[in-house]
C-alpha atoms as a PDB file:
ATOM      1  CA  GLY A   1      16.146  29.786  12.402  1.00  0.00           C
ATOM      2  CA  ALA A   2      14.200  26.456  12.173  1.00  0.00           C
ATOM      3  CA  PRO A   3      16.223  23.254  11.849  1.00  0.00           C
ATOM      4  CA  PRO A   4      16.280  21.784   8.632  1.00  0.00           C
ATOM      5  CA  PRO A   5      13.502  19.084   7.688  1.00  0.00           C
ATOM      6  CA  PRO A   6      13.595  15.549   9.318  1.00  0.00           C
ATOM      7  CA  PRO A   7      14.284  12.482   6.625  1.00  0.00           C
ATOM      8  CA  PRO A   8      11.445  10.347   7.105  1.00  0.00           C
ATOM      9  CA  PRO A   9      11.806   7.474   9.061  1.00  0.00           C
ATOM     10  CA  PRO A  10      13.261   4.457   8.548  1.00  0.00           C
ATOM     11  CA  GLY A  11      10.441   2.837   7.924  1.00  0.00           C
ATOM     12  CA  GLY A  12       9.200   5.105   5.080  1.00  0.00           C
ATOM     13  CA  ILE A  13      12.325   4.112   3.290  1.00  0.00           C
ATOM     14  CA  ARG A  14      11.338   0.355   2.815  1.00  0.00           C
ATOM     15  CA  PRO A  15       9.792  -0.100  -0.700  1.00  0.00           C
ATOM     16  CA  PRO A  16       6.198  -0.983  -0.841  1.00  0.00           C
ATOM     17  CA  PRO A  17       5.521  -4.808  -0.720  1.00  0.00           C
ATOM     18  CA  LEU A  18       5.121  -6.338  -4.116  1.00  0.00           C
ATOM     19  CA  PRO A  19       1.216  -7.857  -4.777  1.00  0.00           C
ATOM     20  CA  GLY A  20       1.367 -11.407  -2.515  1.00  0.00           C
ATOM     21  CA  ALA A  21       4.571 -10.438  -1.784  1.00  0.00           C
ATOM     22  CA  LYS A  22       5.542 -12.508   1.530  1.00  0.00           C
ATOM     23  CA  LYS A  23       7.792 -10.381   3.202  1.00  0.00           C
ATOM     24  CA  GLY A  24      10.132 -11.043   7.087  1.00  0.00           C
ATOM     25  CA  GLY A  25       9.683  -9.901  10.249  1.00  0.00           C
ATOM     26  CA  GLY A  26      11.755  -9.058  13.334  1.00  0.00           C
ATOM     27  CA  GLY A  27       9.580 -11.425  15.546  1.00  0.00           C
ATOM     28  CA  GLY A  28       7.112 -10.675  18.561  1.00  0.00           C
ATOM     29  CA  GLY A  29       5.543 -13.721  19.057  1.00  0.00           C
ATOM     30  CA  ASP A  30       6.336 -15.617  22.357  1.00  0.00           C
ATOM     31  CA  ASP A  31       4.814 -19.477  21.168  1.00  0.00           C
ATOM     32  CA  ASP A  32       6.569 -21.830  19.181  1.00  0.00           C
ATOM     33  CA  ASP A  33       6.135 -21.882  15.095  1.00  0.00           C
ATOM     34  CA  GLY A  34       3.031 -24.685  16.043  1.00  0.00           C
ATOM     35  CA  GLY A  35       1.164 -24.717  12.515  1.00  0.00           C
ATOM     36  CA  VAL A  36       2.121 -21.376  11.373  1.00  0.00           C
ATOM     37  CA  PRO A  37       4.048 -21.222   7.817  1.00  0.00           C
ATOM     38  CA  LEU A  38       7.631 -20.199   7.813  1.00  0.00           C
ATOM     39  CA  THR A  39       7.294 -17.442   5.541  1.00  0.00           C
ATOM     40  CA  LYS A  40      10.736 -14.697   4.879  1.00  0.00           C
ATOM     41  CA  ARG A  41       8.852 -12.741   7.577  1.00  0.00           C
ATOM     42  CA  GLY A  42       8.188 -15.610   9.930  1.00  0.00           C
ATOM     43  CA  ALA A  43      11.627 -16.399   9.130  1.00  0.00           C
ATOM     44  CA  ARG A  44      13.184 -13.325  10.090  1.00  0.00           C
ATOM     45  CA  ALA A  45      11.162 -13.387  13.255  1.00  0.00           C
ATOM     46  CA  LYS A  46      12.438 -16.693  14.145  1.00  0.00           C
ATOM     47  CA  ALA A  47      16.147 -15.294  13.726  1.00  0.00           C
ATOM     48  CA  ALA A  48      15.785 -11.968  15.476  1.00  0.00           C
ATOM     49  CA  PRO A  49      17.269 -11.930  18.827  1.00  0.00           C
ATOM     50  CA  LYS A  50      14.912 -12.802  21.228  1.00  0.00           C
ATOM     51  CA  PRO A  51      14.512 -10.061  24.109  1.00  0.00           C
ATOM     52  CA  GLN A  52      15.822 -11.148  27.963  1.00  0.00           C
ATOM     53  CA  GLY A  53      14.804 -10.220  31.029  1.00  0.00           C
ATOM     54  CA  LEU A  54      13.253  -6.834  32.037  1.00  0.00           C
ATOM     55  CA  GLN A  55      12.700  -6.278  28.031  1.00  0.00           C
ATOM     56  CA  ALA A  56      11.300  -9.853  27.761  1.00  0.00           C
ATOM     57  CA  GLU A  57       8.579  -8.633  30.154  1.00  0.00           C
ATOM     58  CA  MET A  58       7.654  -5.730  28.939  1.00  0.00           C
ATOM     59  CA  ARG A  59       7.071  -7.273  25.090  1.00  0.00           C
ATOM     60  CA  LYS A  60       5.443  -9.927  26.449  1.00  0.00           C
ATOM     61  CA  ARG A  61       3.031  -6.817  28.430  1.00  0.00           C
ATOM     62  CA  GLN A  62       2.993  -4.767  24.906  1.00  0.00           C
ATOM     63  CA  ASN A  63       2.246  -8.243  22.933  1.00  0.00           C
ATOM     64  CA  LYS A  64      -1.048  -8.537  25.428  1.00  0.00           C
ATOM     65  CA  LYS A  65      -1.738  -4.912  24.459  1.00  0.00           C
ATOM     66  CA  LEU A  66      -2.028  -5.524  20.863  1.00  0.00           C
ATOM     67  CA  ILE A  67      -3.793  -8.815  20.930  1.00  0.00           C
ATOM     68  CA  LYS A  68      -6.304  -7.098  22.797  1.00  0.00           C
ATOM     69  CA  ASP A  69      -6.437  -3.777  20.531  1.00  0.00           C
ATOM     70  CA  ARG A  70      -6.138  -5.850  17.498  1.00  0.00           C
ATOM     71  CA  ASP A  71      -8.631  -4.489  15.718  1.00  0.00           C
ATOM     72  CA  GLU A  72      -8.227  -1.201  16.405  1.00  0.00           C
ATOM     73  CA  VAL A  73      -4.804  -1.527  15.399  1.00  0.00           C
ATOM     74  CA  MET A  74      -5.902  -3.066  11.803  1.00  0.00           C
ATOM     75  CA  ASP A  75      -8.348  -0.053  11.501  1.00  0.00           C
ATOM     76  CA  LEU A  76      -5.379   2.471  12.060  1.00  0.00           C
ATOM     77  CA  VAL A  77      -3.298   0.352   9.246  1.00  0.00           C
ATOM     78  CA  LYS A  78      -5.872   0.754   7.257  1.00  0.00           C
ATOM     79  CA  ARG A  79      -6.616   4.398   6.969  1.00  0.00           C
ATOM     80  CA  ALA A  80      -2.846   5.041   6.406  1.00  0.00           C
ATOM     81  CA  ALA A  81      -2.671   2.126   3.492  1.00  0.00           C
ATOM     82  CA  GLY A  82      -5.961   3.190   1.661  1.00  0.00           C
ATOM     83  CA  PRO A  83      -6.830   6.061  -0.285  1.00  0.00           C
ATOM     84  CA  ILE A  84      -6.318   9.718   0.741  1.00  0.00           C
ATOM     85  CA  GLU A  85      -8.039  12.377  -1.125  1.00  0.00           C
ATOM     86  CA  THR A  86      -6.429  15.747  -0.149  1.00  0.00           C
ATOM     87  CA  ALA A  87      -3.658  17.359   1.499  1.00  0.00           C
ATOM     88  CA  ALA A  88      -5.386  18.327   4.325  1.00  0.00           C
ATOM     89  CA  ALA A  89      -6.509  14.858   4.628  1.00  0.00           C
ATOM     90  CA  LEU A  90      -3.355  13.167   4.441  1.00  0.00           C
ATOM     91  CA  ARG A  91      -2.095  15.700   7.362  1.00  0.00           C
ATOM     92  CA  ALA A  92      -4.886  14.669   9.299  1.00  0.00           C
ATOM     93  CA  THR A  93      -4.142  11.096   8.631  1.00  0.00           C
ATOM     94  CA  TYR A  94      -1.144  11.181   9.549  1.00  0.00           C
ATOM     95  CA  THR A  95      -1.336  12.899  12.790  1.00  0.00           C
ATOM     96  CA  GLU A  96      -4.603  10.796  13.821  1.00  0.00           C
ATOM     97  CA  VAL A  97      -2.897   7.394  13.023  1.00  0.00           C
ATOM     98  CA  SER A  98       0.452   7.441  14.323  1.00  0.00           C
ATOM     99  CA  GLU A  99      -0.956   9.175  17.640  1.00  0.00           C
ATOM    100  CA  GLY A 100      -3.051   6.226  17.693  1.00  0.00           C
ATOM    101  CA  LEU A 101      -0.284   3.527  17.145  1.00  0.00           C
ATOM    102  CA  SER A 102       1.888   5.230  19.719  1.00  0.00           C
ATOM    103  CA  ALA A 103      -1.070   5.053  22.237  1.00  0.00           C
ATOM    104  CA  VAL A 104      -0.943   1.224  21.460  1.00  0.00           C
ATOM    105  CA  GLY A 105       3.218   1.266  21.811  1.00  0.00           C
ATOM    106  CA  LEU A 106       4.038   0.843  17.986  1.00  0.00           C
ATOM    107  CA  THR A 107       6.430   3.222  16.761  1.00  0.00           C
ATOM    108  CA  ILE A 108       6.743   4.725  13.367  1.00  0.00           C
ATOM    109  CA  GLY A 109      10.349   4.736  11.837  1.00  0.00           C
ATOM    110  CA  GLY A 110      11.500   2.745  14.469  1.00  0.00           C
ATOM    111  CA  SER A 111      14.364   0.181  14.290  1.00  0.00           C
ATOM    112  CA  GLU A 112      11.456  -2.431  13.955  1.00  0.00           C
ATOM    113  CA  ALA A 113       9.350  -2.206  11.482  1.00  0.00           C
ATOM    114  CA  LEU A 114       5.689  -2.630  11.749  1.00  0.00           C
ATOM    115  CA  ASP A 115       4.586  -5.807  10.385  1.00  0.00           C
ATOM    116  CA  ASP A 116       7.395  -7.055  12.367  1.00  0.00           C
ATOM    117  CA  ARG A 117       6.364  -5.993  15.257  1.00  0.00           C
ATOM    118  CA  LEU A 118       2.999  -7.296  14.712  1.00  0.00           C
ATOM    119  CA  TYR A 119       4.188 -10.591  14.024  1.00  0.00           C
ATOM    120  CA  ILE A 120       2.896 -12.371  16.782  1.00  0.00           C
ATOM    121  CA  LYS A 121       1.943 -15.998  17.739  1.00  0.00           C
ATOM    122  CA  GLN A 122      -0.561 -16.982  20.105  1.00  0.00           C
ATOM    123  CA  LYS A 123      -1.639 -20.839  20.623  1.00  0.00           C
ATOM    124  CA  GLY A 124      -0.263 -21.751  17.295  1.00  0.00           C
ATOM    125  CA  SER A 125      -1.476 -19.136  14.872  1.00  0.00           C
ATOM    126  CA  LEU A 126      -0.853 -15.876  13.931  1.00  0.00           C
ATOM    127  CA  VAL A 127      -2.430 -13.134  15.719  1.00  0.00           C
ATOM    128  CA  TYR A 128      -2.160 -10.863  12.441  1.00  0.00           C
ATOM    129  CA  SER A 129      -2.553 -12.682   9.504  1.00  0.00           C
ATOM    130  CA  GLU A 130      -0.367 -12.400   6.868  1.00  0.00           C
ATOM    131  CA  GLU A 131      -2.707 -10.450   4.337  1.00  0.00           C
ATOM    132  CA  GLU A 132      -2.737  -8.125   7.252  1.00  0.00           C
ATOM    133  CA  LEU A 133       0.451  -7.798   7.713  1.00  0.00           C
ATOM    134  CA  ASP A 134       1.282  -7.077   3.860  1.00  0.00           C
ATOM    135  CA  ILE A 135      -1.533  -4.096   4.722  1.00  0.00           C
ATOM    136  CA  VAL A 136       0.645  -3.250   7.686  1.00  0.00           C
ATOM    137  CA  GLU A 137       4.136  -3.245   5.753  1.00  0.00           C
ATOM    138  CA  LYS A 138       2.337  -0.909   3.119  1.00  0.00           C
ATOM    139  CA  ALA A 139       1.115   1.403   5.536  1.00  0.00           C
ATOM    140  CA  ASP A 140       4.505   1.433   7.327  1.00  0.00           C
ATOM    141  CA  TYR A 141       6.227   2.772   3.775  1.00  0.00           C
ATOM    142  CA  ARG A 142       3.272   5.175   3.388  1.00  0.00           C
ATOM    143  CA  LEU A 143       3.744   6.389   6.682  1.00  0.00           C
ATOM    144  CA  GLY A 144       7.360   7.059   6.645  1.00  0.00           C
ATOM    145  CA  LEU A 145       6.540   9.332   3.563  1.00  0.00           C
ATOM    146  CA  MET A 146       3.598  10.961   5.084  1.00  0.00           C
ATOM    147  CA  HIS A 147       5.965  12.131   8.185  1.00  0.00           C
ATOM    148  CA  SER A 148       8.199  13.874   5.103  1.00  0.00           C
ATOM    149  CA  VAL A 149       5.027  15.659   3.936  1.00  0.00           C
ATOM    150  CA  ASN A 150       3.972  16.743   7.445  1.00  0.00           C
ATOM    151  CA  ALA A 151       7.339  17.769   8.691  1.00  0.00           C
ATOM    152  CA  TRP A 152       7.829  19.772   5.153  1.00  0.00           C
ATOM    153  CA  SER A 153       4.256  21.162   5.223  1.00  0.00           C
ATOM    154  CA  GLY A 154       5.237  22.521   8.772  1.00  0.00           C
ATOM    155  CA  LEU A 155       8.465  23.971   7.667  1.00  0.00           C
ATOM    156  CA  LEU A 156       6.760  25.505   4.888  1.00  0.00           C
ATOM    157  CA  ASP A 157       4.340  26.972   6.734  1.00  0.00           C
ATOM    158  CA  SER A 158       6.293  28.590   9.752  1.00  0.00           C
ATOM    159  CA  ARG A 159       8.999  30.266   6.716  1.00  0.00           C
ATOM    160  CA  LEU A 160       5.462  31.356   4.940  1.00  0.00           C
ATOM    161  CA  GLN A 161       3.775  32.799   8.029  1.00  0.00           C
ATOM    162  CA  THR A 162       7.332  34.484   9.126  1.00  0.00           C
ATOM    163  CA  ALA A 163       7.785  35.865   6.043  1.00  0.00           C
ATOM    164  CA  THR A 164       4.532  37.427   6.121  1.00  0.00           C
ATOM    165  CA  ARG A 165       4.671  39.118   9.010  1.00  0.00           C
ATOM    166  CA  VAL A 166       7.732  40.714   7.930  1.00  0.00           C
ATOM    167  CA  LEU A 167       6.722  41.892   4.465  1.00  0.00           C
ATOM    168  CA  GLU A 168       3.141  43.372   6.215  1.00  0.00           C
ATOM    169  CA  ASN A 169       5.064  44.961   9.161  1.00  0.00           C
ATOM    170  CA  GLY A 170       6.721  47.358   5.746  1.00  0.00           C
ATOM    171  CA  ILE A 171       9.878  49.320   6.348  1.00  0.00           C
ATOM    172  CA  GLY A 172       8.325  51.863   9.374  1.00  0.00           C
ATOM    173  CA  GLY A 173       8.862  55.827   9.624  1.00  0.00           C
ATOM    174  CA  THR A 174      12.095  55.622  11.995  1.00  0.00           C
ATOM    175  CA  LYS A 175      15.275  54.891  11.326  1.00  0.00           C
ATOM    176  CA  ALA A 176      15.537  52.027  14.227  1.00  0.00           C
ATOM    177  CA  GLU A 177      12.289  50.411  12.119  1.00  0.00           C
ATOM    178  CA  ARG A 178      14.173  50.727   8.893  1.00  0.00           C
ATOM    179  CA  ASP A 179      17.491  48.783  10.623  1.00  0.00           C
ATOM    180  CA  GLN A 180      14.591  46.298  12.423  1.00  0.00           C
ATOM    181  CA  ALA A 181      13.223  45.692   8.392  1.00  0.00           C
ATOM    182  CA  LEU A 182      16.665  45.485   6.634  1.00  0.00           C
ATOM    183  CA  ALA A 183      17.363  43.123   9.174  1.00  0.00           C
ATOM    184  CA  GLY A 184      14.620  40.888   9.277  1.00  0.00           C
ATOM    185  CA  ALA A 185      14.074  41.026   5.747  1.00  0.00           C
ATOM    186  CA  LEU A 186      17.353  39.800   5.222  1.00  0.00           C
ATOM    187  CA  LYS A 187      17.876  37.674   7.859  1.00  0.00           C
ATOM    188  CA  GLU A 188      14.311  35.849   6.424  1.00  0.00           C
ATOM    189  CA  ALA A 189      15.079  35.550   3.442  1.00  0.00           C
ATOM    190  CA  LYS A 190      18.256  33.603   3.709  1.00  0.00           C
ATOM    191  CA  GLU A 191      16.136  31.484   5.644  1.00  0.00           C
ATOM    192  CA  SER A 192      13.252  30.596   3.683  1.00  0.00           C
ATOM    193  CA  LEU A 193      16.123  29.895   0.624  1.00  0.00           C
ATOM    194  CA  ARG A 194      17.824  27.490   3.332  1.00  0.00           C
ATOM    195  CA  VAL A 195      14.696  25.653   3.886  1.00  0.00           C
ATOM    196  CA  HIS A 196      13.906  26.075  -0.029  1.00  0.00           C
ATOM    197  CA  ASN A 197      16.965  24.069  -0.915  1.00  0.00           C
ATOM    198  CA  SER A 198      16.585  21.770   1.948  1.00  0.00           C
ATOM    199  CA  ILE A 199      13.739  20.437   0.571  1.00  0.00           C
ATOM    200  CA  PHE A 200      13.550  21.138  -3.311  1.00  0.00           C
ATOM    201  CA  GLU A 201      17.219  20.664  -3.761  1.00  0.00           C
ATOM    202  CA  ASP A 202      18.803  18.195  -1.614  1.00  0.00           C
ATOM    203  CA  GLY A 203      19.113  14.498  -3.069  1.00  0.00           C
ATOM    204  CA  THR A 204      17.890  12.808  -0.737  1.00  0.00           C
ATOM    205  CA  SER A 205      14.615  14.934  -0.231  1.00  0.00           C
ATOM    206  CA  LYS A 206      14.212  15.198  -4.060  1.00  0.00           C
ATOM    207  CA  LYS A 207      13.838  11.300  -4.014  1.00  0.00           C
ATOM    208  CA  ILE A 208      11.408  11.112  -1.487  1.00  0.00           C
ATOM    209  CA  LEU A 209       9.283  13.536  -3.131  1.00  0.00           C
ATOM    210  CA  ALA A 210       9.089  11.328  -6.120  1.00  0.00           C
ATOM    211  CA  ASP A 211       8.596   8.394  -3.947  1.00  0.00           C
ATOM    212  CA  ILE A 212       5.475  10.484  -2.448  1.00  0.00           C
ATOM    213  CA  ASP A 213       4.271  11.347  -5.696  1.00  0.00           C
ATOM    214  CA  LYS A 214       5.113   7.601  -7.081  1.00  0.00           C
ATOM    215  CA  GLU A 215       2.874   6.620  -4.186  1.00  0.00           C
ATOM    216  CA  GLY A 216       0.205   8.775  -5.397  1.00  0.00           C
ATOM    217  CA  LEU A 217      -0.450  10.655  -2.025  1.00  0.00           C
ATOM    218  CA  PRO A 218      -1.877  14.014  -1.955  1.00  0.00           C
ATOM    219  CA  HIS A 219       0.359  17.276  -0.779  1.00  0.00           C
ATOM    220  CA  ASP A 220       0.943  20.679  -1.440  1.00  0.00           C
ATOM    221  CA  VAL A 221       4.672  20.632  -0.624  1.00  0.00           C
ATOM    222  CA  SER A 222       5.455  21.535  -4.308  1.00  0.00           C
ATOM    223  CA  GLU A 223       3.210  24.432  -4.920  1.00  0.00           C
ATOM    224  CA  ARG A 224       4.454  25.769  -1.384  1.00  0.00           C
ATOM    225  CA  ARG A 225       7.862  25.856  -3.648  1.00  0.00           C
ATOM    226  CA  ASP A 226       6.627  28.844  -5.519  1.00  0.00           C
ATOM    227  CA  GLU A 227       5.369  30.725  -2.934  1.00  0.00           C
ATOM    228  CA  LEU A 228       8.441  30.495  -0.766  1.00  0.00           C
ATOM    229  CA  MET A 229      10.390  32.192  -3.899  1.00  0.00           C
ATOM    230  CA  SER A 230       7.725  34.278  -4.542  1.00  0.00           C
ATOM    231  CA  SER A 231       7.788  35.386  -0.398  1.00  0.00           C
ATOM    232  CA  CYS A 232      11.655  35.658  -0.648  1.00  0.00           C
ATOM    233  CA  THR A 233      11.690  37.561  -4.022  1.00  0.00           C
ATOM    234  CA  LYS A 234       9.106  40.262  -1.869  1.00  0.00           C
ATOM    235  CA  LEU A 235      11.999  40.395   0.860  1.00  0.00           C
ATOM    236  CA  LEU A 236      14.637  41.548  -1.116  1.00  0.00           C
ATOM    237  CA  GLY A 237      12.268  44.474  -2.381  1.00  0.00           C
ATOM    238  CA  VAL A 238      11.713  45.272   1.373  1.00  0.00           C
ATOM    239  CA  ALA A 239      15.543  45.223   2.034  1.00  0.00           C
ATOM    240  CA  VAL A 240      15.827  47.537  -0.925  1.00  0.00           C
ATOM    241  CA  ASP A 241      12.874  49.952   0.585  1.00  0.00           C
ATOM    242  CA  SER A 242      14.835  50.005   3.405  1.00  0.00           C
ATOM    243  CA  VAL A 243      18.232  51.283   2.417  1.00  0.00           C
ATOM    244  CA  CYS A 244      16.407  53.412  -0.306  1.00  0.00           C
ATOM    245  CA  GLU A 245      14.448  55.203   2.527  1.00  0.00           C
ATOM    246  CA  SER A 246      17.637  55.691   4.796  1.00  0.00           C
ATOM    247  CA  ALA A 247      19.291  56.753   2.178  1.00  0.00           C
ATOM    248  CA  GLU A 248      17.127  59.353   1.571  1.00  0.00           C
ATOM    249  CA  ALA A 249      16.671  60.404   5.314  1.00  0.00           C
ATOM    250  CA  ALA A 250      20.363  60.212   6.140  1.00  0.00           C
ATOM    251  CA  VAL A 251      21.230  62.941   3.120  1.00  0.00           C
ATOM    252  CA  ASN A 252      18.318  65.074   4.208  1.00  0.00           C
ATOM    253  CA  GLU A 253      19.203  65.926   7.067  1.00  0.00           C
ATOM    254  CA  LYS A 254      20.144  69.319   7.708  1.00  0.00           C
ATOM    255  CA  VAL A 255      22.685  69.088  10.938  1.00  0.00           C
ATOM    256  CA  ALA A 256      25.907  67.698   8.951  1.00  0.00           C
ATOM    257  CA  ALA A 257      27.483  65.901  11.819  1.00  0.00           C
ATOM    258  CA  ILE A 258      24.144  63.606  12.138  1.00  0.00           C
ATOM    259  CA  ARG A 259      23.733  63.765   8.246  1.00  0.00           C
ATOM    260  CA  LYS A 260      27.411  62.335   7.567  1.00  0.00           C
ATOM    261  CA  GLY A 261      26.980  59.894  10.782  1.00  0.00           C
ATOM    262  CA  ASN A 262      23.736  58.246   9.042  1.00  0.00           C
ATOM    263  CA  ALA A 263      25.316  58.113   5.884  1.00  0.00           C
ATOM    264  CA  ALA A 264      27.852  56.052   7.224  1.00  0.00           C
ATOM    265  CA  GLY A 265      25.661  54.343   8.982  1.00  0.00           C
ATOM    266  CA  VAL A 266      23.898  53.656   5.708  1.00  0.00           C
ATOM    267  CA  VAL A 267      27.214  52.883   3.802  1.00  0.00           C
ATOM    268  CA  ALA A 268      27.988  49.982   6.538  1.00  0.00           C
ATOM    269  CA  SER A 269      24.509  48.520   5.687  1.00  0.00           C
ATOM    270  CA  ILE A 270      25.042  48.109   2.584  1.00  0.00           C
ATOM    271  CA  ASP A 271      28.597  46.771   2.597  1.00  0.00           C
ATOM    272  CA  GLY A 272      28.242  44.722   5.639  1.00  0.00           C
ATOM    273  CA  LYS A 273      24.824  43.174   5.331  1.00  0.00           C
ATOM    274  CA  VAL A 274      23.123  44.208   1.820  1.00  0.00           C
ATOM    275  CA  ARG A 275      25.765  43.222  -0.512  1.00  0.00           C
ATOM    276  CA  PRO A 276      26.953  40.287   1.325  1.00  0.00           C
ATOM    277  CA  ALA A 277      23.454  38.800   1.409  1.00  0.00           C
ATOM    278  CA  LEU A 278      22.617  39.035  -2.080  1.00  0.00           C
ATOM    279  CA  GLU A 279      26.076  37.036  -2.662  1.00  0.00           C
ATOM    280  CA  HIS A 280      24.640  34.453  -0.439  1.00  0.00           C
ATOM    281  CA  LEU A 281      21.301  34.498  -2.110  1.00  0.00           C
ATOM    282  CA  LYS A 282      22.610  34.129  -5.552  1.00  0.00           C
ATOM    283  CA  LYS A 283      25.263  31.775  -4.608  1.00  0.00           C
ATOM    284  CA  GLU A 284      22.497  29.383  -3.163  1.00  0.00           C
ATOM    285  CA  GLY A 285      20.114  29.990  -6.417  1.00  0.00           C
ATOM    286  CA  GLY A 286      18.166  32.075  -4.974  1.00  0.00           C
ATOM    287  CA  PRO A 287      16.266  35.129  -6.610  1.00  0.00           C
ATOM    288  CA  GLU A 288      18.271  38.624  -7.268  1.00  0.00           C
ATOM    289  CA  LEU A 289      17.350  42.013  -7.665  1.00  0.00           C
ATOM    290  CA  THR A 290      15.163  43.234 -10.679  1.00  0.00           C
ATOM    291  CA  ALA A 291      16.652  45.965 -12.989  1.00  0.00           C
ATOM    292  CA  GLU A 292      14.788  48.297 -11.256  1.00  0.00           C
ATOM    293  CA  GLN A 293      15.790  47.413  -7.948  1.00  0.00           C
ATOM    294  CA  LYS A 294      19.485  47.133  -8.453  1.00  0.00           C
ATOM    295  CA  GLY A 295      19.074  50.582  -9.905  1.00  0.00           C
ATOM    296  CA  ARG A 296      17.952  52.510  -6.723  1.00  0.00           C
ATOM    297  CA  LEU A 297      20.374  50.415  -4.452  1.00  0.00           C
ATOM    298  CA  ASP A 298      23.424  51.557  -6.485  1.00  0.00           C
ATOM    299  CA  GLU A 299      21.902  55.136  -6.689  1.00  0.00           C
ATOM    300  CA  ALA A 300      21.449  55.237  -2.625  1.00  0.00           C
ATOM    301  CA  GLU A 301      24.530  53.812  -2.170  1.00  0.00           C
ATOM    302  CA  LYS A 302      26.075  56.676  -4.721  1.00  0.00           C
ATOM    303  CA  VAL A 303      24.237  59.471  -2.749  1.00  0.00           C
ATOM    304  CA  VAL A 304      25.426  58.019   0.666  1.00  0.00           C
ATOM    305  CA  ARG A 305      29.034  57.683  -0.383  1.00  0.00           C
ATOM    306  CA  ALA A 306      28.714  61.103  -1.422  1.00  0.00           C
ATOM    307  CA  ALA A 307      27.508  62.523   1.953  1.00  0.00           C
ATOM    308  CA  ALA A 308      29.476  60.159   4.222  1.00  0.00           C
ATOM    309  CA  PRO A 309      32.731  61.452   5.860  1.00  0.00           C
ATOM    310  CA  ALA A 310      36.150  60.172   3.679  1.00  0.00           C
ATOM    311  CA  VAL A 311      37.688  57.421   5.424  1.00  0.00           C
ATOM    312  CA  GLY A 312      40.638  58.908   7.156  1.00  0.00           C
ATOM    313  CA  GLY A 313      39.609  62.900   5.853  1.00  0.00           C
ATOM    314  CA  ASP A 314      38.418  66.052   7.476  1.00  0.00           C
ATOM    315  CA  ASP A 315      35.258  66.209   8.686  1.00  0.00           C
ATOM    316  CA  ASP A 316      34.029  69.586   8.746  1.00  0.00           C
ATOM    317  CA  SER A 317      30.722  70.859   9.439  1.00  0.00           C
ATOM    318  CA  ASP A 318      28.815  73.169   7.707  1.00  0.00           C
END
């Protein structure tokens, strides 16, 4: 199945800057402090280990690019720090801004926060002012939250699309198609519930969702929760339909040996697949069968157990 949704990158965990606060940085400059006041961000830059050798040369080359592309970088971070109106706009903003920053060598969620990395001095002055770095810090925090929205939205979309395909395929008309429908419905119900719980029941994920809402970022992640649980319930309906159709086909088979074999196969599916899956879903807080579905499943089980050969008994033919 799909992997669980990734946590937000480290940049997304930093709290938003206080209004007017001067947060510190990790150091990107090559010059002396000169006339630059030593803020907390500057103090951290000064205390950070200086890159050596090839790493220092690579950093100098990247600094030149960050100085040259300064306006482009600020345009990107202002998009992330500014108002975003819709869930679709948020995902588009995250993709475009993260790709744009990556193109100039900046990594969201890396070991060095964006405002730390952009603390670059040139001829005694900051290339990015402290006020601009405050905007960068806010953008970095918001981009971390957007990362989670983007990852979770993609995961929910994938699960809902897969569930829709299983539901649209139905149970089919042959034994093989019914068996495939049963296996697919149970597998997707469990996978949908796993994804649901990893986003909506996990403590860390719930905290991130609260931070996303507190920041006022638009998203439809919470709305998809009901869609996911609804599809999970419908998948259980497919599983029950498949078992009931298979049971009916088995007991109506005229050839005794085939009838008994098919009935035994349905019993094995109920015991080995359906009941364990229902127990798993219940244990994990998932949907349960309706009273009508439970009654149908129990009746199907009853008739196939009656038709199946008794364990260790005679297998007489009609």
